[in-house]
Amino acid sequence: MKLSPALLRRIVLEEAKKLEEKFGKMKDVEDAPKDTKELGGPDDYADTLGQKIDFMKALKIKEDRLRAALKQIQEKRSRVKAALIEKL
């Protein structure tokens, strides 16, 4: 069987119809730029990287403060526990 342009066109249209039934209506290629988000340049990535590093530093400071507060709580708890044991 020879593949003529008309037969090829018909096969392609049938396959497109099957895909449309299975996945729904496809968007046109011309509409794709409207739906895509522009990515920033290297400067934007550098800013983002800098922000993440700053955030990590801030988290480290917060972690140190929380560890100090936890240490104080544990010391107070041990003093109260010792006082309770002494009373008993």
C-alpha atoms as a PDB file:
ATOM      1  CA  MET A   1       0.000   0.000   0.000  1.00  0.00           C
ATOM      2  CA  LYS A   2       1.396   3.339  -1.041  1.00  0.00           C
ATOM      3  CA  LEU A   3       1.178   6.244   1.405  1.00  0.00           C
ATOM      4  CA  SER A   4      -0.316   9.172  -0.459  1.00  0.00           C
ATOM      5  CA  PRO A   5      -0.550  12.709   0.947  1.00  0.00           C
ATOM      6  CA  ALA A   6      -4.318  12.360   1.297  1.00  0.00           C
ATOM      7  CA  LEU A   7      -4.029   9.045   3.149  1.00  0.00           C
ATOM      8  CA  LEU A   8      -1.337  10.437   5.439  1.00  0.00           C
ATOM      9  CA  ARG A   9      -3.485  13.509   6.180  1.00  0.00           C
ATOM     10  CA  ARG A  10      -6.454  11.272   7.012  1.00  0.00           C
ATOM     11  CA  ILE A  11      -4.352   9.090   9.342  1.00  0.00           C
ATOM     12  CA  VAL A  12      -2.960  12.135  11.130  1.00  0.00           C
ATOM     13  CA  LEU A  13      -6.443  13.640  11.568  1.00  0.00           C
ATOM     14  CA  GLU A  14      -7.779  10.333  12.944  1.00  0.00           C
ATOM     15  CA  GLU A  15      -4.940  10.124  15.453  1.00  0.00           C
ATOM     16  CA  ALA A  16      -5.450  13.754  16.448  1.00  0.00           C
ATOM     17  CA  LYS A  17      -9.154  13.037  17.003  1.00  0.00           C
ATOM     18  CA  LYS A  18      -8.282  10.036  19.218  1.00  0.00           C
ATOM     19  CA  LEU A  19      -5.875  12.131  21.256  1.00  0.00           C
ATOM     20  CA  GLU A  20      -8.444  14.906  21.602  1.00  0.00           C
ATOM     21  CA  GLU A  21     -11.019  12.426  22.870  1.00  0.00           C
ATOM     22  CA  LYS A  22      -8.541  10.956  25.325  1.00  0.00           C
ATOM     23  CA  PHE A  23      -6.825  14.131  26.602  1.00  0.00           C
ATOM     24  CA  GLY A  24      -9.187  16.932  25.632  1.00  0.00           C
ATOM     25  CA  LYS A  25      -8.640  19.903  23.335  1.00  0.00           C
ATOM     26  CA  MET A  26      -5.003  20.783  22.785  1.00  0.00           C
ATOM     27  CA  LYS A  27      -3.742  24.346  22.881  1.00  0.00           C
ATOM     28  CA  ASP A  28      -2.292  26.051  19.843  1.00  0.00           C
ATOM     29  CA  VAL A  29       1.460  26.498  19.710  1.00  0.00           C
ATOM     30  CA  GLU A  30       0.993  30.239  19.277  1.00  0.00           C
ATOM     31  CA  ASP A  31      -0.759  30.442  22.671  1.00  0.00           C
ATOM     32  CA  ALA A  32       2.123  28.809  24.554  1.00  0.00           C
ATOM     33  CA  PRO A  33       4.149  32.028  25.113  1.00  0.00           C
ATOM     34  CA  LYS A  34       1.106  33.593  26.778  1.00  0.00           C
ATOM     35  CA  ASP A  35       0.934  30.772  29.337  1.00  0.00           C
ATOM     36  CA  THR A  36       4.650  30.496  30.091  1.00  0.00           C
ATOM     37  CA  LYS A  37       6.440  32.389  32.828  1.00  0.00           C
ATOM     38  CA  GLU A  38       9.576  34.303  31.965  1.00  0.00           C
ATOM     39  CA  LEU A  39      12.563  33.271  34.006  1.00  0.00           C
ATOM     40  CA  GLY A  40      14.837  35.964  35.295  1.00  0.00           C
ATOM     41  CA  GLY A  41      18.435  36.410  34.407  1.00  0.00           C
ATOM     42  CA  PRO A  42      21.517  35.487  36.416  1.00  0.00           C
ATOM     43  CA  ASP A  43      21.104  38.560  38.612  1.00  0.00           C
ATOM     44  CA  ASP A  44      17.734  37.295  39.810  1.00  0.00           C
ATOM     45  CA  TYR A  45      19.202  33.912  40.644  1.00  0.00           C
ATOM     46  CA  ALA A  46      22.072  35.559  42.515  1.00  0.00           C
ATOM     47  CA  ASP A  47      19.597  37.616  44.533  1.00  0.00           C
ATOM     48  CA  THR A  48      17.593  34.501  45.329  1.00  0.00           C
ATOM     49  CA  LEU A  49      20.732  32.634  46.331  1.00  0.00           C
ATOM     50  CA  GLY A  50      21.773  35.547  48.550  1.00  0.00           C
ATOM     51  CA  GLN A  51      18.352  35.610  50.165  1.00  0.00           C
ATOM     52  CA  LYS A  52      18.530  31.892  50.901  1.00  0.00           C
ATOM     53  CA  ILE A  53      21.969  32.275  52.484  1.00  0.00           C
ATOM     54  CA  ASP A  54      20.713  35.173  54.611  1.00  0.00           C
ATOM     55  CA  PHE A  55      17.707  33.093  55.641  1.00  0.00           C
ATOM     56  CA  MET A  56      19.998  30.225  56.665  1.00  0.00           C
ATOM     57  CA  LYS A  57      22.059  32.629  58.798  1.00  0.00           C
ATOM     58  CA  ALA A  58      18.903  33.949  60.458  1.00  0.00           C
ATOM     59  CA  LEU A  59      17.769  30.400  61.187  1.00  0.00           C
ATOM     60  CA  LYS A  60      21.146  29.621  62.755  1.00  0.00           C
ATOM     61  CA  ILE A  61      20.830  32.648  65.059  1.00  0.00           C
ATOM     62  CA  LYS A  62      17.286  31.628  65.996  1.00  0.00           C
ATOM     63  CA  GLU A  63      18.452  28.066  66.664  1.00  0.00           C
ATOM     64  CA  ASP A  64      21.198  29.333  68.979  1.00  0.00           C
ATOM     65  CA  ARG A  65      18.686  31.440  70.926  1.00  0.00           C
ATOM     66  CA  LEU A  66      16.301  28.502  71.235  1.00  0.00           C
ATOM     67  CA  ARG A  67      19.110  26.234  72.439  1.00  0.00           C
ATOM     68  CA  ALA A  68      20.040  28.811  75.115  1.00  0.00           C
ATOM     69  CA  ALA A  69      16.396  29.075  76.211  1.00  0.00           C
ATOM     70  CA  LEU A  70      16.130  25.287  76.329  1.00  0.00           C
ATOM     71  CA  LYS A  71      19.255  25.079  78.476  1.00  0.00           C
ATOM     72  CA  GLN A  72      17.770  27.588  80.949  1.00  0.00           C
ATOM     73  CA  ILE A  73      14.509  25.632  81.092  1.00  0.00           C
ATOM     74  CA  GLN A  74      16.388  22.378  81.728  1.00  0.00           C
ATOM     75  CA  GLU A  75      18.413  24.003  84.521  1.00  0.00           C
ATOM     76  CA  LYS A  76      15.266  25.380  86.176  1.00  0.00           C
ATOM     77  CA  ARG A  77      13.586  22.002  85.852  1.00  0.00           C
ATOM     78  CA  SER A  78      16.495  20.215  87.474  1.00  0.00           C
ATOM     79  CA  ARG A  79      16.519  22.743  90.370  1.00  0.00           C
ATOM     80  CA  VAL A  80      12.781  22.283  90.941  1.00  0.00           C
ATOM     81  CA  LYS A  81      13.186  18.508  90.771  1.00  0.00           C
ATOM     82  CA  ALA A  82      16.027  18.610  93.297  1.00  0.00           C
ATOM     83  CA  ALA A  83      13.943  20.804  95.610  1.00  0.00           C
ATOM     84  CA  LEU A  84      11.018  18.373  95.380  1.00  0.00           C
ATOM     85  CA  ILE A  85      13.229  15.408  96.184  1.00  0.00           C
ATOM     86  CA  GLU A  86      14.704  17.309  99.138  1.00  0.00           C
ATOM     87  CA  LYS A  87      11.216  18.061 100.510  1.00  0.00           C
ATOM     88  CA  LEU A  88      10.213  14.411 100.320  1.00  0.00           C
END
